[in-house]
Amino acid sequence: MSDTTPCLKVDFIDSIVDVTTCTDGELLEAALANTLYKLVDVDVVTISHIAYHYGEPEIHLRFDINPTNIRKPGLLSSRDIVPLREMPHFQKCFDTAATYVTFPDDNEEKTHCLHPILNRRDEVVGFLEIYGAPLPRADEHLLFGMLQIYRNYLRILEESEIDTLTGLLNRRTFDRKLIQMLTEPNTQEISDQSEAKTDKPKRRNPPVSEQNWMAVMDIDFFKKINDQYGHLYGDEVLILLANIMRKCFRHYDKLFRFGGEEFIIILKSTDAQGANQALSRFRKQVEQHEFPQVGKVTISIGYAEITKGGLPTQILGKADEALYYAKRNGRNQVCNYEALVTSGQIKCASVESSNDIELF
């Protein structure tokens, strides 16, 4: 037995520990990329997600390890965001949900491997990209084993973070995400500084902006839908509505089912006009959609700015106040809390003194 075998076993066990101690999806991705780069002899490792821009699938590069800055046609590491249709190898992997291997170099000294990342419904939600010399069989087994551990653990994390019916983030995850936004002064800056001091893969994030927004959305007359058509069709409305949400918002906006027919949207890095446009576009998409058996469905939305240092109950209360105003004044509309206060249509004190909202 080789003298290096015990060391390899220890490295492998340590790598599994690193991966399975993560309780956040992004940290899990970083751990996987680092682990594979350390354990197998490859030149490039990237992890990317599928996100939808107005219904069109895009590949978003999340992490990459590419120390020698290799640039080859077909490799994702040359671009951060690209439409899926422009990357035929990725499209093939997406369509088949199977590993796809090509040889970018004529002499076949290097291979380009794409491994699909599957969610708990076996849908392709991302890719693990490997570029380098063909792997020995032992390293292939190691890679596939680590990828399977990652997939299994990712599904466990999903079970704790995802609403079972709609596939959106759940209430528990909302609490954690909001606390992070309120208590971390500049997550992007801290992350960049940390990664600059370590060998962690580079993390791709949207640009930081001053303003973030919380929107509370409620389905108009949802009780009537359940009473008239039954809960089966009511659930179908919730599922289809969640699908529309995914297509209408950006990949770094956060979408939650808060409970029942109430949903929450956290819009990141946009100004007041951009927030209103995004929410109004979503409201219109829902209004124009034909729901099976039920027909037309409308929604009401209230939203407020997420201010640093603000109390979670106050921010949620402001968005709720705007939602209640929308529902009291005709429904099927989008209302902003700050604009309502400025115009005198609601009073600021009605929210600031409210203590009846339980967030945690």
Protein backbone atom coordinates (compact mmCIF):
# COMPACT_ATOMS: atom_id res chain seq x y z
CA MET A 1 0.00 0.00 0.00
CA SER A 2 1.30 3.45 -0.90
CA ASP A 3 2.56 5.69 1.90
CA THR A 4 0.26 8.40 0.58
CA THR A 5 -2.89 6.29 0.98
CA PRO A 6 -3.48 7.11 4.69
CA CYS A 7 -3.05 10.82 3.93
CA LEU A 8 -5.55 10.60 1.08
CA LYS A 9 -8.03 8.85 3.35
CA VAL A 10 -7.63 11.54 6.00
CA ASP A 11 -8.05 14.28 3.35
CA PHE A 12 -11.19 12.57 2.07
CA ILE A 13 -12.70 12.27 5.55
CA ASP A 14 -11.81 15.89 6.33
CA SER A 15 -13.44 16.97 3.08
CA ILE A 16 -16.66 15.14 3.92
CA VAL A 17 -16.66 16.83 7.31
CA ASP A 18 -16.21 20.23 5.63
CA VAL A 19 -19.12 19.63 3.27
CA THR A 20 -21.55 18.19 5.80
CA THR A 21 -20.98 20.84 8.47
CA CYS A 22 -22.40 23.53 6.18
CA THR A 23 -25.91 24.74 6.97
CA ASP A 24 -26.14 27.21 4.10
CA GLY A 25 -26.38 26.42 0.39
CA GLU A 26 -23.70 28.90 -0.68
CA LEU A 27 -21.21 27.62 1.90
CA LEU A 28 -21.97 24.08 0.77
CA GLU A 29 -21.11 25.00 -2.83
CA ALA A 30 -17.82 26.59 -1.77
CA ALA A 31 -16.92 23.52 0.29
CA LEU A 32 -17.64 21.19 -2.64
CA ALA A 33 -15.59 23.23 -5.12
CA ASN A 34 -12.64 23.45 -2.73
CA THR A 35 -12.85 19.76 -1.90
CA LEU A 36 -12.84 18.59 -5.51
CA TYR A 37 -9.98 20.90 -6.45
CA LYS A 38 -7.88 19.56 -3.57
CA LEU A 39 -8.69 15.87 -4.02
CA VAL A 40 -8.53 15.44 -7.81
CA ASP A 41 -6.05 16.80 -10.35
CA VAL A 42 -8.08 19.32 -12.37
CA ASP A 43 -7.42 22.79 -13.81
CA VAL A 44 -10.84 24.41 -13.41
CA VAL A 45 -13.83 23.82 -11.12
CA THR A 46 -16.99 25.92 -11.38
CA ILE A 47 -20.44 25.74 -9.82
CA SER A 48 -23.33 27.54 -11.48
CA HIS A 49 -27.07 27.91 -11.01
CA ILE A 50 -29.98 28.04 -13.42
CA ALA A 51 -31.99 31.25 -12.99
CA TYR A 52 -34.84 32.60 -15.08
CA HIS A 53 -34.83 36.08 -16.58
CA TYR A 54 -38.40 36.81 -17.65
CA GLY A 55 -38.91 33.10 -18.24
CA GLU A 56 -35.65 32.57 -20.14
CA PRO A 57 -33.17 30.21 -18.41
CA GLU A 58 -29.74 31.68 -17.72
CA ILE A 59 -26.56 30.20 -16.27
CA HIS A 60 -25.23 32.17 -13.31
CA LEU A 61 -21.67 31.42 -12.26
CA ARG A 62 -21.58 31.20 -8.47
CA PHE A 63 -18.10 29.89 -7.64
CA ASP A 64 -15.03 29.15 -9.69
CA ILE A 65 -11.49 27.95 -9.07
CA ASN A 66 -9.32 28.76 -12.07
CA PRO A 67 -5.85 29.77 -10.78
CA THR A 68 -4.19 29.95 -14.21
CA ASN A 69 -7.11 31.86 -15.77
CA ILE A 70 -7.79 29.27 -18.46
CA ARG A 71 -10.15 30.52 -21.19
CA LYS A 72 -11.60 28.00 -23.63
CA PRO A 73 -14.67 28.11 -25.89
CA GLY A 74 -17.54 26.44 -24.07
CA LEU A 75 -16.13 26.97 -20.57
CA LEU A 76 -18.36 28.98 -18.30
CA SER A 77 -15.45 30.52 -16.41
CA SER A 78 -15.08 33.20 -19.09
CA ARG A 79 -18.52 34.71 -18.34
CA ASP A 80 -20.52 35.30 -15.17
CA ILE A 81 -24.03 35.23 -16.66
CA VAL A 82 -25.01 33.75 -20.01
CA PRO A 83 -28.30 32.56 -21.57
CA LEU A 84 -28.52 28.77 -21.46
CA ARG A 85 -29.31 28.59 -25.18
CA GLU A 86 -25.91 30.14 -25.98
CA MET A 87 -24.06 27.28 -24.26
CA PRO A 88 -24.96 24.11 -26.22
CA HIS A 89 -23.04 21.73 -23.94
CA PHE A 90 -24.80 23.11 -20.87
CA GLN A 91 -28.12 22.95 -22.72
CA LYS A 92 -27.51 19.28 -23.49
CA CYS A 93 -26.69 18.53 -19.85
CA PHE A 94 -29.80 20.47 -18.79
CA ASP A 95 -32.08 18.63 -21.22
CA THR A 96 -30.82 15.14 -20.38
CA ALA A 97 -30.03 15.63 -16.67
CA ALA A 98 -26.93 13.52 -17.33
CA THR A 99 -23.17 14.07 -17.26
CA TYR A 100 -21.89 15.51 -20.53
CA VAL A 101 -18.23 15.18 -21.60
CA THR A 102 -16.46 16.93 -24.48
CA PHE A 103 -12.84 17.33 -25.63
CA PRO A 104 -12.12 21.04 -26.24
CA ASP A 105 -8.58 20.32 -27.44
CA ASP A 106 -7.96 18.46 -30.70
CA ASN A 107 -5.34 16.26 -29.10
CA GLU A 108 -7.84 15.21 -26.40
CA GLU A 109 -5.37 15.86 -23.59
CA LYS A 110 -8.05 17.74 -21.65
CA THR A 111 -11.71 17.00 -20.99
CA HIS A 112 -14.62 19.31 -20.25
CA CYS A 113 -17.13 17.57 -17.96
CA LEU A 114 -20.53 18.91 -16.95
CA HIS A 115 -22.37 17.27 -14.07
CA PRO A 116 -25.99 18.26 -13.41
CA ILE A 117 -26.99 19.43 -9.93
CA LEU A 118 -30.47 18.14 -9.14
CA ASN A 119 -32.99 19.34 -6.59
CA ARG A 120 -35.29 17.12 -4.56
CA ARG A 121 -37.68 16.88 -7.54
CA ASP A 122 -34.80 15.71 -9.77
CA GLU A 123 -34.89 18.95 -11.76
CA VAL A 124 -31.59 20.39 -13.02
CA VAL A 125 -30.94 23.54 -11.00
CA GLY A 126 -27.24 23.97 -11.70
CA PHE A 127 -24.00 22.50 -12.97
CA LEU A 128 -20.66 21.33 -11.65
CA GLU A 129 -18.08 22.02 -14.36
CA ILE A 130 -14.69 20.28 -14.42
CA TYR A 131 -11.89 20.99 -16.89
CA GLY A 132 -8.57 19.18 -16.90
CA ALA A 133 -6.72 16.03 -17.87
CA PRO A 134 -8.83 12.84 -18.02
CA LEU A 135 -9.17 11.50 -14.51
CA PRO A 136 -7.92 8.09 -13.40
CA ARG A 137 -10.73 5.69 -12.57
CA ALA A 138 -10.12 6.07 -8.83
CA ASP A 139 -10.46 9.86 -9.08
CA GLU A 140 -13.62 9.45 -11.16
CA HIS A 141 -15.15 7.36 -8.39
CA LEU A 142 -14.06 9.94 -5.85
CA LEU A 143 -15.59 12.78 -7.85
CA PHE A 144 -18.90 11.01 -8.38
CA GLY A 145 -18.98 9.99 -4.73
CA MET A 146 -18.44 13.56 -3.53
CA LEU A 147 -21.02 14.83 -6.01
CA GLN A 148 -23.57 12.33 -4.71
CA ILE A 149 -22.82 13.31 -1.10
CA TYR A 150 -23.34 16.93 -2.12
CA ARG A 151 -26.63 16.17 -3.90
CA ASN A 152 -27.95 14.19 -0.94
CA TYR A 153 -26.95 16.83 1.59
CA LEU A 154 -28.34 19.60 -0.62
CA ARG A 155 -31.69 17.83 -0.58
CA ILE A 156 -31.58 17.63 3.22
CA LEU A 157 -30.95 21.39 3.36
CA GLU A 158 -33.79 21.95 0.90
CA GLU A 159 -36.17 20.00 3.09
CA SER A 160 -35.50 22.41 5.95
CA GLU A 161 -35.59 25.58 3.82
CA ILE A 162 -38.21 24.92 1.15
CA ASP A 163 -42.00 25.04 1.32
CA THR A 164 -43.19 21.57 0.35
CA LEU A 165 -46.13 22.67 -1.81
CA THR A 166 -44.70 25.56 -3.82
CA GLY A 167 -40.95 24.96 -3.75
CA LEU A 168 -40.36 28.52 -2.54
CA LEU A 169 -38.39 29.36 0.59
CA ASN A 170 -40.33 28.81 3.82
CA ARG A 171 -41.11 30.92 6.89
CA ARG A 172 -38.15 29.60 8.86
CA THR A 173 -35.74 30.64 6.12
CA PHE A 174 -37.38 34.07 5.91
CA ASP A 175 -36.58 34.77 9.55
CA ARG A 176 -32.91 33.92 9.04
CA LYS A 177 -32.50 35.83 5.76
CA LEU A 178 -34.10 38.97 7.15
CA ILE A 179 -31.95 38.93 10.28
CA GLN A 180 -28.85 38.65 8.06
CA MET A 181 -29.89 41.67 6.02
CA LEU A 182 -30.63 43.76 9.11
CA THR A 183 -27.58 42.89 11.18
CA GLU A 184 -24.78 42.53 8.63
CA PRO A 185 -23.69 46.02 7.54
CA ASN A 186 -22.16 45.02 4.23
CA THR A 187 -22.23 41.30 3.52
CA GLN A 188 -20.63 41.71 0.10
CA GLU A 189 -17.62 43.64 1.40
CA ILE A 190 -17.03 41.20 4.24
CA SER A 191 -17.31 38.24 1.85
CA ASP A 192 -14.89 39.76 -0.66
CA GLN A 193 -12.31 40.50 2.04
CA SER A 194 -12.61 37.00 3.46
CA GLU A 195 -12.21 35.33 0.07
CA ALA A 196 -9.19 37.49 -0.77
CA LYS A 197 -7.38 36.06 2.26
CA THR A 198 -8.21 32.42 1.56
CA ASP A 199 -8.08 29.92 -1.25
CA LYS A 200 -11.86 29.76 -1.40
CA PRO A 201 -13.42 29.95 -4.87
CA LYS A 202 -14.46 33.39 -5.99
CA ARG A 203 -18.09 34.14 -5.25
CA ARG A 204 -20.21 35.95 -7.82
CA ASN A 205 -22.76 38.34 -6.35
CA PRO A 206 -25.04 41.06 -7.68
CA PRO A 207 -23.81 44.60 -7.11
CA VAL A 208 -24.53 46.02 -3.69
CA SER A 209 -27.09 48.84 -3.61
CA GLU A 210 -28.34 51.09 -0.88
CA GLN A 211 -31.96 49.92 -1.00
CA ASN A 212 -33.70 46.60 -0.40
CA TRP A 213 -37.45 46.06 -0.16
CA MET A 214 -39.91 43.68 1.47
CA ALA A 215 -43.19 42.99 -0.30
CA VAL A 216 -46.13 41.09 1.19
CA MET A 217 -48.49 39.57 -1.37
CA ASP A 218 -51.92 38.08 -0.78
CA ILE A 219 -54.25 36.31 -3.22
CA ASP A 220 -57.53 38.18 -3.54
CA PHE A 221 -60.60 36.19 -2.42
CA PHE A 222 -58.60 32.99 -2.03
CA LYS A 223 -61.10 31.58 0.47
CA LYS A 224 -63.78 31.77 -2.22
CA ILE A 225 -61.56 29.75 -4.54
CA ASN A 226 -61.17 27.01 -1.92
CA ASP A 227 -64.87 27.06 -1.05
CA GLN A 228 -66.08 26.99 -4.66
CA TYR A 229 -63.54 24.70 -6.32
CA GLY A 230 -62.00 22.78 -3.42
CA HIS A 231 -58.58 22.76 -1.84
CA LEU A 232 -57.06 20.73 -4.68
CA TYR A 233 -57.61 23.59 -7.11
CA GLY A 234 -56.63 26.06 -4.42
CA ASP A 235 -53.28 24.30 -4.07
CA GLU A 236 -52.90 24.36 -7.85
CA VAL A 237 -53.33 28.13 -7.80
CA LEU A 238 -50.59 28.41 -5.17
CA ILE A 239 -48.22 26.23 -7.20
CA LEU A 240 -48.82 28.12 -10.46
CA LEU A 241 -48.49 31.44 -8.68
CA ALA A 242 -45.10 30.36 -7.32
CA ASN A 243 -44.02 29.45 -10.86
CA ILE A 244 -44.97 32.92 -12.09
CA MET A 245 -42.98 34.46 -9.23
CA ARG A 246 -39.84 32.57 -10.25
CA LYS A 247 -40.13 33.87 -13.80
CA CYS A 248 -40.81 37.48 -12.83
CA PHE A 249 -38.04 38.16 -10.33
CA ARG A 250 -34.25 38.09 -10.43
CA HIS A 251 -32.22 35.15 -9.23
CA TYR A 252 -30.93 37.02 -6.17
CA ASP A 253 -34.36 38.26 -5.07
CA LYS A 254 -35.77 35.99 -2.35
CA LEU A 255 -39.22 34.42 -2.68
CA PHE A 256 -41.07 32.97 0.31
CA ARG A 257 -44.37 31.34 1.04
CA PHE A 258 -45.20 32.86 4.41
CA GLY A 259 -48.28 30.75 5.07
CA GLY A 260 -51.65 30.05 3.49
CA GLU A 261 -52.13 32.37 0.51
CA GLU A 262 -49.60 34.93 1.76
CA PHE A 263 -46.20 35.29 0.11
CA ILE A 264 -43.19 37.53 0.75
CA ILE A 265 -40.72 38.88 -1.78
CA ILE A 266 -37.40 40.45 -0.80
CA LEU A 267 -36.17 42.66 -3.62
CA LYS A 268 -32.45 43.29 -3.38
CA SER A 269 -30.32 46.12 -4.74
CA THR A 270 -32.94 48.25 -6.47
CA ASP A 271 -34.38 51.72 -6.03
CA ALA A 272 -38.02 52.64 -5.34
CA GLN A 273 -38.90 52.89 -9.02
CA GLY A 274 -37.31 49.54 -9.82
CA ALA A 275 -39.15 47.85 -6.95
CA ASN A 276 -42.49 49.26 -8.08
CA GLN A 277 -41.90 48.22 -11.67
CA ALA A 278 -40.95 44.67 -10.71
CA LEU A 279 -43.94 44.20 -8.41
CA SER A 280 -46.37 45.80 -10.86
CA ARG A 281 -45.09 43.58 -13.65
CA PHE A 282 -45.63 40.53 -11.46
CA ARG A 283 -49.16 41.64 -10.52
CA LYS A 284 -50.02 42.09 -14.21
CA GLN A 285 -48.60 38.66 -15.12
CA VAL A 286 -50.84 37.02 -12.51
CA GLU A 287 -53.88 38.99 -13.67
CA GLN A 288 -53.35 37.88 -17.27
CA HIS A 289 -52.77 34.21 -16.42
CA GLU A 290 -55.57 31.70 -16.99
CA PHE A 291 -55.70 29.33 -14.01
CA PRO A 292 -57.19 25.86 -14.73
CA GLN A 293 -60.86 25.62 -13.75
CA VAL A 294 -60.59 28.75 -11.60
CA GLY A 295 -59.98 31.22 -14.43
CA LYS A 296 -58.73 34.68 -13.50
CA VAL A 297 -56.98 35.35 -10.18
CA THR A 298 -55.70 38.68 -8.86
CA ILE A 299 -53.30 39.64 -6.10
CA SER A 300 -52.71 42.60 -3.81
CA ILE A 301 -49.20 43.69 -2.80
CA GLY A 302 -47.85 46.00 -0.12
CA TYR A 303 -44.17 46.77 0.19
CA ALA A 304 -41.76 48.81 2.31
CA GLU A 305 -38.06 49.57 2.40
CA ILE A 306 -35.80 47.32 4.48
CA THR A 307 -33.79 49.78 6.55
CA LYS A 308 -30.55 48.79 8.26
CA GLY A 309 -30.99 48.49 11.99
CA GLY A 310 -34.78 48.38 11.70
CA LEU A 311 -36.80 45.91 13.72
CA PRO A 312 -38.11 42.93 11.73
CA THR A 313 -41.60 43.42 13.17
CA GLN A 314 -41.65 47.05 12.06
CA ILE A 315 -40.56 46.31 8.50
CA LEU A 316 -43.05 43.49 8.13
CA GLY A 317 -45.69 45.68 9.76
CA LYS A 318 -45.12 48.48 7.25
CA ALA A 319 -45.46 46.12 4.30
CA ASP A 320 -48.58 44.62 5.89
CA GLU A 321 -50.06 48.09 6.40
CA ALA A 322 -49.57 48.85 2.70
CA LEU A 323 -51.12 45.49 1.81
CA TYR A 324 -54.17 46.16 3.98
CA TYR A 325 -54.58 49.54 2.28
CA ALA A 326 -54.49 47.85 -1.14
CA LYS A 327 -57.12 45.32 -0.10
CA ARG A 328 -59.36 47.97 1.47
CA ASN A 329 -59.20 50.12 -1.64
CA GLY A 330 -60.09 47.85 -4.51
CA ARG A 331 -57.52 45.01 -4.38
CA ASN A 332 -55.50 43.94 -7.44
CA GLN A 333 -52.92 46.69 -6.93
CA VAL A 334 -49.43 47.45 -5.60
CA CYS A 335 -49.01 49.93 -2.74
CA ASN A 336 -45.83 51.32 -1.19
CA TYR A 337 -45.83 52.14 2.52
CA GLU A 338 -43.52 55.15 2.29
CA ALA A 339 -45.56 56.67 -0.56
CA LEU A 340 -48.80 56.18 1.37
CA VAL A 341 -47.33 57.91 4.42
CA THR A 342 -45.99 60.79 2.33
CA SER A 343 -49.38 61.33 0.69
CA GLY A 344 -51.15 61.19 4.05
CA GLN A 345 -53.25 58.15 3.16
CA ILE A 346 -51.95 56.22 6.18
CA LYS A 347 -50.28 57.37 9.37
CA CYS A 348 -46.73 56.38 10.22
CA ALA A 349 -47.62 55.96 13.91
CA SER A 350 -50.07 53.17 13.14
CA VAL A 351 -47.12 50.89 12.38
CA GLU A 352 -44.39 52.23 14.63
CA SER A 353 -46.45 51.56 17.75
CA SER A 354 -47.65 48.14 16.64
CA ASN A 355 -46.56 45.24 18.83
CA ASP A 356 -49.01 42.59 17.67
CA ILE A 357 -46.93 41.04 14.90
CA GLU A 358 -45.01 37.93 15.88
CA LEU A 359 -42.06 37.25 13.58
CA PHE A 360 -40.01 34.80 15.64
